[in-house]
Amino acid sequence: MKNIAEPYVIHYPQIVAVADETGNRVELIEFFDCVGGAMWSKHHYAQSPVVEDVRCVGATMRYRLKPQSVDLALEGSRFPAGISACTVDMSEIAVTYIGMGGGGVGAAACRSDARGVLRSRSDPAGGGKVAGATIWMPRMQRVLIGVDDTDTPEEGATWTLVHNIAKAVEDEHSVYLSHTIVQLFPVPYRTKNCVGLVAEFATMDPAGLTDRFHALLKKYTLSQKTGMAVYTGFSPSEELLAYGRSVKRGEVEPGLHERLKDKDLKIIMNGRGITGAVAAIPFFTRYEEALDLCSGPI
């Protein structure tokens, strides 16, 4: 019979956190191994005043947090666990969890040694005890890389190339978070399906990440018209979202992206595919809207 080394602990594989420039907006991103535990946390942690929003994206749970500290009035079954604090400084983000019973095990034991955690402090947990833990993570930025037009009518697929490059450029400073296929308006000169791609990262090295991604994209693209754009920031602007929606609804004039005033957007490869590359960026993890096929203005 096989022994279980830690029968009452489920380790989170990785936890990272991104913040905006001011430090007033934080997204905590937990990669989970046990979906039941992650959904239980989502249900109960959402009751905390620190948590503004929570959503499940693939194998991650995303908590949007307010940097503050509160006392949680825990109650068995109704509110047995939550996030009680979030603090941000120039280089680190700290998050404090607290829970009772099994919720205390999740707070104190399961997250403390996840990849991405710099250090932790936790209470003894288990049984009926109330236990808490604080974890410290590097303060990261969100980087969104949009790509379009890497294939030809004979070979290639942009969505697979972007995913494989995104995996290849991960390192100790950059974490690949998500991949979103964005349906664009089917212009006559498309290869076939007319989609753009956006890959999402959490990183401490935006410039290095961009350079590595660009080098691999140049190496493996099959097209002379590839577009690549990079957005560095917590959340794309409404102007960028409006542009993306216009590209989904109809053919736009070439160079329209040059009128965007978003200081966080950089054009890296300015082939014809740049229209779709820029348009894909604001739809990261917005899968339902991203995949909608629009037939004209709404």
Protein backbone atom coordinates (compact mmCIF):
# COMPACT_ATOMS: atom_id res chain seq x y z
CA MET A 1 0.00 0.00 0.00
CA LYS A 2 1.34 3.41 -0.97
CA ASN A 3 1.93 5.91 1.83
CA ILE A 4 0.74 9.52 1.64
CA ALA A 5 3.42 11.86 2.97
CA GLU A 6 1.02 14.67 3.93
CA PRO A 7 -2.51 13.27 4.05
CA TYR A 8 -4.08 16.52 5.26
CA VAL A 9 -2.28 19.05 3.05
CA ILE A 10 -2.93 19.90 -0.62
CA HIS A 11 -0.18 22.14 -1.97
CA TYR A 12 -1.03 24.97 -4.34
CA PRO A 13 1.36 24.63 -7.32
CA GLN A 14 1.94 28.38 -7.77
CA ILE A 15 0.70 31.75 -6.55
CA VAL A 16 1.54 35.12 -8.10
CA ALA A 17 0.25 38.67 -7.71
CA VAL A 18 0.18 41.71 -9.99
CA ALA A 19 -0.44 45.34 -9.05
CA ASP A 20 -1.07 48.55 -10.94
CA GLU A 21 1.37 51.47 -10.92
CA THR A 22 -0.19 53.05 -7.84
CA GLY A 23 -0.40 49.85 -5.80
CA ASN A 24 -4.11 50.45 -5.26
CA ARG A 25 -5.28 47.52 -7.41
CA VAL A 26 -4.06 43.97 -6.93
CA GLU A 27 -4.90 40.67 -8.57
CA LEU A 28 -3.96 37.53 -6.68
CA ILE A 29 -3.66 34.54 -9.03
CA GLU A 30 -3.71 31.09 -7.45
CA PHE A 31 -2.91 28.04 -9.58
CA PHE A 32 -4.83 25.19 -7.97
CA ASP A 33 -4.48 21.41 -7.95
CA CYS A 34 -7.79 20.56 -6.23
CA VAL A 35 -10.80 22.12 -7.96
CA GLY A 36 -13.12 21.43 -5.02
CA GLY A 37 -10.89 23.31 -2.61
CA ALA A 38 -10.46 26.19 -5.03
CA MET A 39 -14.22 26.52 -5.54
CA TRP A 40 -14.82 26.36 -1.78
CA SER A 41 -12.34 29.19 -1.29
CA LYS A 42 -13.93 31.21 -4.09
CA HIS A 43 -17.35 30.89 -2.47
CA HIS A 44 -16.27 31.92 1.02
CA TYR A 45 -13.40 34.34 0.36
CA ALA A 46 -15.72 36.49 -1.77
CA GLN A 47 -17.42 37.56 1.48
CA SER A 48 -14.31 39.37 2.69
CA PRO A 49 -14.27 43.19 2.36
CA VAL A 50 -10.72 42.86 1.01
CA VAL A 51 -12.00 40.91 -2.02
CA GLU A 52 -13.60 43.07 -4.72
CA ASP A 53 -14.12 40.26 -7.24
CA VAL A 54 -13.22 36.62 -7.78
CA ARG A 55 -13.40 34.47 -10.90
CA CYS A 56 -12.09 31.15 -12.12
CA VAL A 57 -9.91 31.21 -15.25
CA GLY A 58 -8.79 27.77 -16.37
CA ALA A 59 -6.74 26.21 -13.55
CA THR A 60 -6.37 29.55 -11.74
CA MET A 61 -8.53 31.45 -9.29
CA ARG A 62 -8.29 35.23 -9.68
CA TYR A 63 -8.94 37.46 -6.64
CA ARG A 64 -9.06 41.23 -7.17
CA LEU A 65 -8.04 42.74 -3.86
CA LYS A 66 -8.10 46.11 -2.12
CA PRO A 67 -4.92 46.83 -0.14
CA GLN A 68 -6.27 46.98 3.41
CA SER A 69 -6.52 44.96 6.62
CA VAL A 70 -9.78 43.91 8.27
CA ASP A 71 -10.98 41.72 11.13
CA LEU A 72 -13.14 38.91 9.79
CA ALA A 73 -16.08 37.67 11.86
CA LEU A 74 -15.64 34.01 10.96
CA GLU A 75 -18.54 31.63 11.50
CA GLY A 76 -18.56 27.90 10.91
CA SER A 77 -20.29 26.82 7.67
CA ARG A 78 -21.45 30.37 6.84
CA PHE A 79 -18.10 32.21 6.70
CA PRO A 80 -15.37 29.82 7.81
CA ALA A 81 -12.42 31.39 5.97
CA GLY A 82 -11.33 34.49 4.10
CA ILE A 83 -8.62 36.92 3.07
CA SER A 84 -8.10 39.44 5.87
CA ALA A 85 -5.30 41.64 4.53
CA CYS A 86 -3.39 42.75 1.47
CA THR A 87 -0.40 45.10 1.52
CA VAL A 88 1.74 46.41 -1.32
CA ASP A 89 5.20 47.99 -1.24
CA MET A 90 7.72 48.77 -3.97
CA SER A 91 8.87 45.17 -4.43
CA GLU A 92 6.46 42.81 -2.66
CA ILE A 93 2.78 42.00 -2.19
CA ALA A 94 1.63 40.32 1.02
CA VAL A 95 -1.69 38.52 1.48
CA THR A 96 -3.08 37.22 4.78
CA TYR A 97 -5.56 34.33 4.94
CA ILE A 98 -7.47 33.08 7.99
CA GLY A 99 -9.80 30.14 8.52
CA MET A 100 -11.28 27.74 11.02
CA GLY A 101 -11.07 23.95 10.88
CA GLY A 102 -10.35 22.75 7.36
CA GLY A 103 -10.43 26.37 6.23
CA GLY A 104 -7.51 27.03 8.53
CA VAL A 105 -5.57 24.19 6.94
CA GLY A 106 -6.14 25.79 3.53
CA ALA A 107 -5.09 29.18 4.85
CA ALA A 108 -2.01 28.11 6.75
CA ALA A 109 -0.64 24.89 5.31
CA CYS A 110 -1.67 24.61 1.67
CA ARG A 111 -0.46 27.92 0.25
CA SER A 112 2.68 28.69 2.23
CA ASP A 113 5.17 26.79 0.07
CA ALA A 114 3.63 27.41 -3.37
CA ARG A 115 6.02 28.33 -6.16
CA GLY A 116 6.16 32.11 -6.36
CA VAL A 117 5.94 32.61 -2.58
CA LEU A 118 9.07 34.34 -1.27
CA ARG A 119 8.39 33.56 2.39
CA SER A 120 5.47 32.86 4.69
CA ARG A 121 4.33 32.96 8.30
CA SER A 122 1.62 30.58 9.46
CA ASP A 123 -0.14 29.25 12.55
CA PRO A 124 -0.58 25.60 13.52
CA ALA A 125 -3.70 24.34 11.75
CA GLY A 126 -6.11 21.43 11.85
CA GLY A 127 -8.97 20.08 13.91
CA GLY A 128 -11.17 22.92 15.15
CA LYS A 129 -8.42 25.54 15.43
CA VAL A 130 -8.56 28.99 13.85
CA ALA A 131 -5.37 29.47 11.87
CA GLY A 132 -3.93 32.09 9.60
CA ALA A 133 -1.02 32.66 7.29
CA THR A 134 0.64 35.51 5.47
CA ILE A 135 2.48 34.94 2.22
CA TRP A 136 4.81 37.39 0.51
CA MET A 137 5.21 37.40 -3.28
CA PRO A 138 7.18 39.56 -5.71
CA ARG A 139 5.24 42.56 -6.95
CA MET A 140 4.66 41.82 -10.63
CA GLN A 141 3.22 43.65 -13.62
CA ARG A 142 0.74 42.32 -16.13
CA VAL A 143 2.00 42.09 -19.72
CA LEU A 144 -0.34 41.25 -22.60
CA ILE A 145 1.20 40.23 -25.93
CA GLY A 146 -1.05 40.35 -28.99
CA VAL A 147 -0.13 38.49 -32.18
CA ASP A 148 -1.75 38.00 -35.58
CA ASP A 149 -0.80 36.69 -39.02
CA THR A 150 1.94 34.09 -38.53
CA ASP A 151 0.68 31.39 -40.90
CA THR A 152 0.14 30.90 -44.62
CA PRO A 153 -2.58 29.12 -46.62
CA GLU A 154 -0.24 26.11 -46.79
CA GLU A 155 0.93 25.71 -43.18
CA GLY A 156 1.00 27.07 -39.64
CA ALA A 157 -1.47 28.12 -36.94
CA THR A 158 -1.08 31.30 -34.93
CA TRP A 159 -2.84 30.02 -31.82
CA THR A 160 -0.47 27.08 -31.40
CA LEU A 161 2.66 29.14 -32.10
CA VAL A 162 1.71 31.79 -29.53
CA HIS A 163 1.06 29.16 -26.85
CA ASN A 164 4.35 27.40 -27.48
CA ILE A 165 6.34 30.63 -27.49
CA ALA A 166 4.60 31.75 -24.28
CA LYS A 167 5.62 28.52 -22.57
CA ALA A 168 9.18 28.83 -23.88
CA VAL A 169 9.76 32.36 -22.55
CA GLU A 170 8.69 31.63 -18.97
CA ASP A 171 11.49 31.95 -16.43
CA GLU A 172 11.97 32.85 -12.76
CA HIS A 173 10.88 36.43 -13.50
CA SER A 174 7.92 35.82 -15.84
CA VAL A 175 4.88 33.53 -15.49
CA TYR A 176 2.59 32.57 -18.40
CA LEU A 177 -0.98 33.07 -17.15
CA SER A 178 -3.46 32.74 -20.01
CA HIS A 179 -4.03 32.36 -23.75
CA THR A 180 -7.09 33.82 -25.49
CA ILE A 181 -8.20 33.29 -29.09
CA VAL A 182 -10.07 36.35 -30.38
CA GLN A 183 -12.44 36.03 -33.33
CA LEU A 184 -12.04 39.03 -35.64
CA PHE A 185 -14.21 40.17 -38.51
CA PRO A 186 -13.51 37.75 -41.43
CA VAL A 187 -11.81 40.09 -43.87
CA PRO A 188 -11.31 38.81 -47.46
CA TYR A 189 -7.51 38.49 -47.12
CA ARG A 190 -7.59 36.28 -44.00
CA THR A 191 -5.83 32.91 -44.04
CA LYS A 192 -9.01 31.07 -43.05
CA ASN A 193 -10.62 31.74 -39.66
CA CYS A 194 -9.39 35.30 -38.97
CA VAL A 195 -8.44 35.19 -35.30
CA GLY A 196 -5.93 37.14 -33.24
CA LEU A 197 -4.20 35.90 -30.10
CA VAL A 198 -3.32 37.42 -26.75
CA ALA A 199 -1.00 35.82 -24.20
CA GLU A 200 -1.04 37.11 -20.62
CA PHE A 201 1.98 37.16 -18.29
CA ALA A 202 2.87 38.27 -14.78
CA THR A 203 6.42 39.55 -14.84
CA MET A 204 9.13 41.51 -13.08
CA ASP A 205 10.98 41.93 -16.37
CA PRO A 206 8.67 43.32 -19.09
CA ALA A 207 11.50 44.32 -21.42
CA GLY A 208 13.30 40.98 -21.23
CA LEU A 209 10.05 39.06 -21.68
CA THR A 210 9.16 41.15 -24.74
CA ASP A 211 12.59 40.67 -26.29
CA ARG A 212 12.53 36.89 -25.84
CA PHE A 213 9.01 36.59 -27.23
CA HIS A 214 9.87 38.82 -30.20
CA ALA A 215 12.99 36.81 -31.03
CA LEU A 216 11.08 33.52 -31.11
CA LEU A 217 8.19 35.01 -33.07
CA LYS A 218 10.59 36.32 -35.73
CA LYS A 219 12.29 32.91 -35.84
CA TYR A 220 9.16 30.80 -36.28
CA THR A 221 6.59 32.95 -38.09
CA LEU A 222 5.84 31.84 -41.63
CA SER A 223 4.42 35.18 -42.72
CA GLN A 224 5.98 38.45 -43.85
CA LYS A 225 2.98 40.34 -42.43
CA THR A 226 3.12 39.36 -38.77
CA GLY A 227 1.88 41.83 -36.17
CA MET A 228 2.99 41.90 -32.53
CA ALA A 229 1.89 44.42 -29.89
CA VAL A 230 2.62 44.57 -26.16
CA TYR A 231 0.50 46.14 -23.43
CA THR A 232 2.06 46.61 -19.99
CA GLY A 233 -0.50 47.55 -17.36
CA PHE A 234 -3.12 46.27 -14.96
CA SER A 235 -6.09 46.57 -17.31
CA PRO A 236 -6.45 47.80 -20.92
CA SER A 237 -8.16 51.14 -21.40
CA GLU A 238 -11.72 51.64 -22.62
CA GLU A 239 -10.25 53.19 -25.78
CA LEU A 240 -8.34 49.99 -26.51
CA LEU A 241 -11.43 47.87 -25.83
CA ALA A 242 -13.49 50.04 -28.19
CA TYR A 243 -10.83 49.57 -30.87
CA GLY A 244 -10.87 45.79 -30.37
CA ARG A 245 -14.64 45.68 -30.69
CA SER A 246 -14.51 47.71 -33.91
CA VAL A 247 -12.09 45.17 -35.42
CA LYS A 248 -14.45 42.35 -34.41
CA ARG A 249 -17.42 44.07 -36.06
CA GLY A 250 -15.98 45.03 -39.43
CA GLU A 251 -12.95 45.76 -41.55
CA VAL A 252 -11.12 48.88 -40.35
CA GLU A 253 -8.77 51.13 -42.25
CA PRO A 254 -5.06 50.23 -42.06
CA GLY A 255 -3.15 52.20 -39.46
CA LEU A 256 -6.18 52.96 -37.29
CA HIS A 257 -4.26 51.62 -34.26
CA GLU A 258 -1.77 54.51 -34.66
CA ARG A 259 -4.46 56.91 -33.40
CA LEU A 260 -4.69 55.15 -30.04
CA LYS A 261 -3.32 57.30 -27.23
CA ASP A 262 -2.65 54.47 -24.77
CA LYS A 263 0.87 55.04 -23.39
CA ASP A 264 1.09 51.44 -22.19
CA LEU A 265 0.78 49.99 -25.72
CA LYS A 266 3.87 49.33 -27.85
CA ILE A 267 4.02 48.11 -31.43
CA ILE A 268 6.80 45.56 -31.90
CA MET A 269 6.12 44.07 -35.37
CA ASN A 270 4.10 46.34 -37.66
CA GLY A 271 3.00 43.99 -40.44
CA ARG A 272 -0.57 43.85 -41.67
CA GLY A 273 -1.40 41.57 -38.75
CA ILE A 274 -0.88 44.42 -36.29
CA THR A 275 -4.58 45.31 -36.62
CA GLY A 276 -5.61 41.95 -35.17
CA ALA A 277 -2.71 41.85 -32.72
CA VAL A 278 -3.73 45.12 -31.07
CA ALA A 279 -7.43 44.24 -31.25
CA ALA A 280 -6.89 40.95 -29.39
CA ILE A 281 -5.22 42.51 -26.33
CA PRO A 282 -8.27 43.88 -24.44
CA PHE A 283 -10.07 40.53 -24.66
CA PHE A 284 -7.59 38.60 -22.50
CA THR A 285 -9.55 36.02 -20.44
CA ARG A 286 -12.87 37.49 -21.73
CA TYR A 287 -13.48 34.23 -23.56
CA GLU A 288 -17.18 34.52 -24.36
CA GLU A 289 -16.92 37.96 -25.95
CA ALA A 290 -13.56 37.13 -27.53
CA LEU A 291 -15.05 34.21 -29.46
CA ASP A 292 -18.21 35.96 -30.62
CA LEU A 293 -18.42 36.26 -34.41
CA CYS A 294 -19.89 39.69 -35.15
CA SER A 295 -21.51 40.43 -38.49
CA GLY A 296 -21.52 44.21 -38.31
CA PRO A 297 -21.97 47.23 -36.03
CA ILE A 298 -23.96 46.74 -32.84
